[in-house]
Amino acid sequence: MSPSTHAPLSDDDTATLQREIAELIVVSLNLDVAASAIAVEAPLYGDEGLGLDSIDILELALVVSKRYGFALRADSEDNVRIFSSLAQLADYVRAHRTC
């Protein structure tokens, strides 16, 4: 299925995808925080929210790309928006995943 042919996700499916990505973040970055503690609208990057740095974001981009079957470009200007929150990352994954 191409990214544009995915059926819309229900609210439950969206919440499930967000929880799945939160768990992926915690496990792949070896964070000392529960996945359930990651607020969907809290910033992932910077001093607020989860506090990830640029290296964490690069590592997360690789893990997300591999898990969901699409490439995130490290030099993309969209990355600031994509990685701004768990909700934004899940929306991007939902729209672009191939698996």
C-alpha atoms as a PDB file:
ATOM      1  CA  MET A   1       0.000   0.000   0.000  1.00  0.00           C
ATOM      2  CA  SER A   2       1.337   3.456  -0.800  1.00  0.00           C
ATOM      3  CA  PRO A   3       1.210   6.065   1.948  1.00  0.00           C
ATOM      4  CA  SER A   4      -1.757   7.817   0.364  1.00  0.00           C
ATOM      5  CA  THR A   5      -3.898   4.674   0.298  1.00  0.00           C
ATOM      6  CA  HIS A   6      -3.883   3.898   4.038  1.00  0.00           C
ATOM      7  CA  ALA A   7      -7.352   3.968   5.520  1.00  0.00           C
ATOM      8  CA  PRO A   8      -7.899   6.665   8.146  1.00  0.00           C
ATOM      9  CA  LEU A   9      -7.176   5.493  11.665  1.00  0.00           C
ATOM     10  CA  SER A  10      -9.838   5.554  14.323  1.00  0.00           C
ATOM     11  CA  ASP A  11      -9.143   7.414  17.565  1.00  0.00           C
ATOM     12  CA  ASP A  12      -8.308   4.057  19.190  1.00  0.00           C
ATOM     13  CA  ASP A  13      -5.910   3.173  16.351  1.00  0.00           C
ATOM     14  CA  THR A  14      -4.252   6.590  16.624  1.00  0.00           C
ATOM     15  CA  ALA A  15      -3.793   6.148  20.375  1.00  0.00           C
ATOM     16  CA  THR A  16      -2.383   2.657  19.780  1.00  0.00           C
ATOM     17  CA  LEU A  17       0.107   3.987  17.224  1.00  0.00           C
ATOM     18  CA  GLN A  18       1.130   6.769  19.610  1.00  0.00           C
ATOM     19  CA  ARG A  19       1.705   4.243  22.426  1.00  0.00           C
ATOM     20  CA  GLU A  20       3.679   1.998  20.062  1.00  0.00           C
ATOM     21  CA  ILE A  21       5.920   4.880  19.000  1.00  0.00           C
ATOM     22  CA  ALA A  22       6.345   6.030  22.616  1.00  0.00           C
ATOM     23  CA  GLU A  23       7.534   2.527  23.523  1.00  0.00           C
ATOM     24  CA  LEU A  24       9.863   2.545  20.512  1.00  0.00           C
ATOM     25  CA  ILE A  25      11.325   5.872  21.690  1.00  0.00           C
ATOM     26  CA  VAL A  26      11.921   4.600  25.232  1.00  0.00           C
ATOM     27  CA  VAL A  27      13.430   1.280  24.180  1.00  0.00           C
ATOM     28  CA  SER A  28      15.550   2.489  21.252  1.00  0.00           C
ATOM     29  CA  LEU A  29      16.989   5.455  23.160  1.00  0.00           C
ATOM     30  CA  ASN A  30      17.274   3.529  26.447  1.00  0.00           C
ATOM     31  CA  LEU A  31      15.393   6.252  28.319  1.00  0.00           C
ATOM     32  CA  ASP A  32      14.681   6.095  32.013  1.00  0.00           C
ATOM     33  CA  VAL A  33      11.012   7.029  31.613  1.00  0.00           C
ATOM     34  CA  ALA A  34       7.834   5.022  31.137  1.00  0.00           C
ATOM     35  CA  ALA A  35       6.388   5.180  27.632  1.00  0.00           C
ATOM     36  CA  SER A  36       3.031   6.032  29.200  1.00  0.00           C
ATOM     37  CA  ALA A  37       4.619   9.148  30.744  1.00  0.00           C
ATOM     38  CA  ILE A  38       5.322  10.693  27.321  1.00  0.00           C
ATOM     39  CA  ALA A  39       2.581  13.249  26.746  1.00  0.00           C
ATOM     40  CA  VAL A  40       1.383  13.205  23.141  1.00  0.00           C
ATOM     41  CA  GLU A  41       1.614  16.996  22.716  1.00  0.00           C
ATOM     42  CA  ALA A  42       4.757  17.593  24.800  1.00  0.00           C
ATOM     43  CA  PRO A  43       7.903  18.532  22.875  1.00  0.00           C
ATOM     44  CA  LEU A  44      10.265  15.664  22.120  1.00  0.00           C
ATOM     45  CA  TYR A  45      13.236  17.911  21.389  1.00  0.00           C
ATOM     46  CA  GLY A  46      14.908  20.469  23.628  1.00  0.00           C
ATOM     47  CA  ASP A  47      14.734  21.322  27.306  1.00  0.00           C
ATOM     48  CA  GLU A  48      10.974  21.000  27.647  1.00  0.00           C
ATOM     49  CA  GLY A  49       9.041  17.753  27.393  1.00  0.00           C
ATOM     50  CA  LEU A  50      11.168  14.679  26.731  1.00  0.00           C
ATOM     51  CA  GLY A  51      14.403  16.646  26.216  1.00  0.00           C
ATOM     52  CA  LEU A  52      15.863  14.727  23.282  1.00  0.00           C
ATOM     53  CA  ASP A  53      18.926  16.168  21.570  1.00  0.00           C
ATOM     54  CA  SER A  54      19.936  16.111  17.892  1.00  0.00           C
ATOM     55  CA  ILE A  55      21.761  12.774  18.248  1.00  0.00           C
ATOM     56  CA  ASP A  56      18.662  11.218  19.848  1.00  0.00           C
ATOM     57  CA  ILE A  57      16.518  12.528  16.991  1.00  0.00           C
ATOM     58  CA  LEU A  58      18.879  11.076  14.373  1.00  0.00           C
ATOM     59  CA  GLU A  59      18.860   7.712  16.135  1.00  0.00           C
ATOM     60  CA  LEU A  60      15.078   7.825  16.460  1.00  0.00           C
ATOM     61  CA  ALA A  61      14.706   8.708  12.770  1.00  0.00           C
ATOM     62  CA  LEU A  62      16.660   5.579  11.840  1.00  0.00           C
ATOM     63  CA  VAL A  63      14.623   3.350  14.147  1.00  0.00           C
ATOM     64  CA  VAL A  64      11.286   4.772  12.976  1.00  0.00           C
ATOM     65  CA  SER A  65      12.338   4.486   9.320  1.00  0.00           C
ATOM     66  CA  LYS A  66      13.316   0.860   9.759  1.00  0.00           C
ATOM     67  CA  ARG A  67      10.251  -0.082  11.808  1.00  0.00           C
ATOM     68  CA  TYR A  68       7.674   1.534   9.525  1.00  0.00           C
ATOM     69  CA  GLY A  69       9.349   1.035   6.142  1.00  0.00           C
ATOM     70  CA  PHE A  70      10.086   4.560   4.947  1.00  0.00           C
ATOM     71  CA  ALA A  71      13.063   6.874   4.986  1.00  0.00           C
ATOM     72  CA  LEU A  72      13.302  10.008   7.071  1.00  0.00           C
ATOM     73  CA  ARG A  73      15.980  12.286   5.665  1.00  0.00           C
ATOM     74  CA  ALA A  74      18.312  13.698   8.280  1.00  0.00           C
ATOM     75  CA  ASP A  75      18.586  16.997   6.397  1.00  0.00           C
ATOM     76  CA  SER A  76      14.856  17.510   5.914  1.00  0.00           C
ATOM     77  CA  GLU A  77      13.498  20.887   6.991  1.00  0.00           C
ATOM     78  CA  ASP A  78      10.303  19.033   7.961  1.00  0.00           C
ATOM     79  CA  ASN A  79      12.086  17.234  10.816  1.00  0.00           C
ATOM     80  CA  VAL A  80      11.486  20.108  13.233  1.00  0.00           C
ATOM     81  CA  ARG A  81       7.746  19.649  12.715  1.00  0.00           C
ATOM     82  CA  ILE A  82       7.828  15.837  12.468  1.00  0.00           C
ATOM     83  CA  PHE A  83       9.731  15.441  15.744  1.00  0.00           C
ATOM     84  CA  SER A  84       8.045  18.299  17.575  1.00  0.00           C
ATOM     85  CA  SER A  85       5.805  15.924  19.555  1.00  0.00           C
ATOM     86  CA  LEU A  86       4.678  12.326  19.790  1.00  0.00           C
ATOM     87  CA  ALA A  87       1.387  13.323  18.132  1.00  0.00           C
ATOM     88  CA  GLN A  88       3.187  14.909  15.155  1.00  0.00           C
ATOM     89  CA  LEU A  89       5.519  11.933  14.771  1.00  0.00           C
ATOM     90  CA  ALA A  90       2.597   9.495  14.885  1.00  0.00           C
ATOM     91  CA  ASP A  91       0.702  11.551  12.279  1.00  0.00           C
ATOM     92  CA  TYR A  92       3.738  11.453   9.990  1.00  0.00           C
ATOM     93  CA  VAL A  93       4.221   7.717  10.494  1.00  0.00           C
ATOM     94  CA  ARG A  94       0.541   7.067   9.812  1.00  0.00           C
ATOM     95  CA  ALA A  95       0.735   8.987   6.535  1.00  0.00           C
ATOM     96  CA  HIS A  96       4.011   7.466   5.284  1.00  0.00           C
ATOM     97  CA  ARG A  97       4.380   3.963   6.667  1.00  0.00           C
ATOM     98  CA  THR A  98       4.613   1.011   4.339  1.00  0.00           C
ATOM     99  CA  CYS A  99       4.423  -1.689   7.001  1.00  0.00           C
END
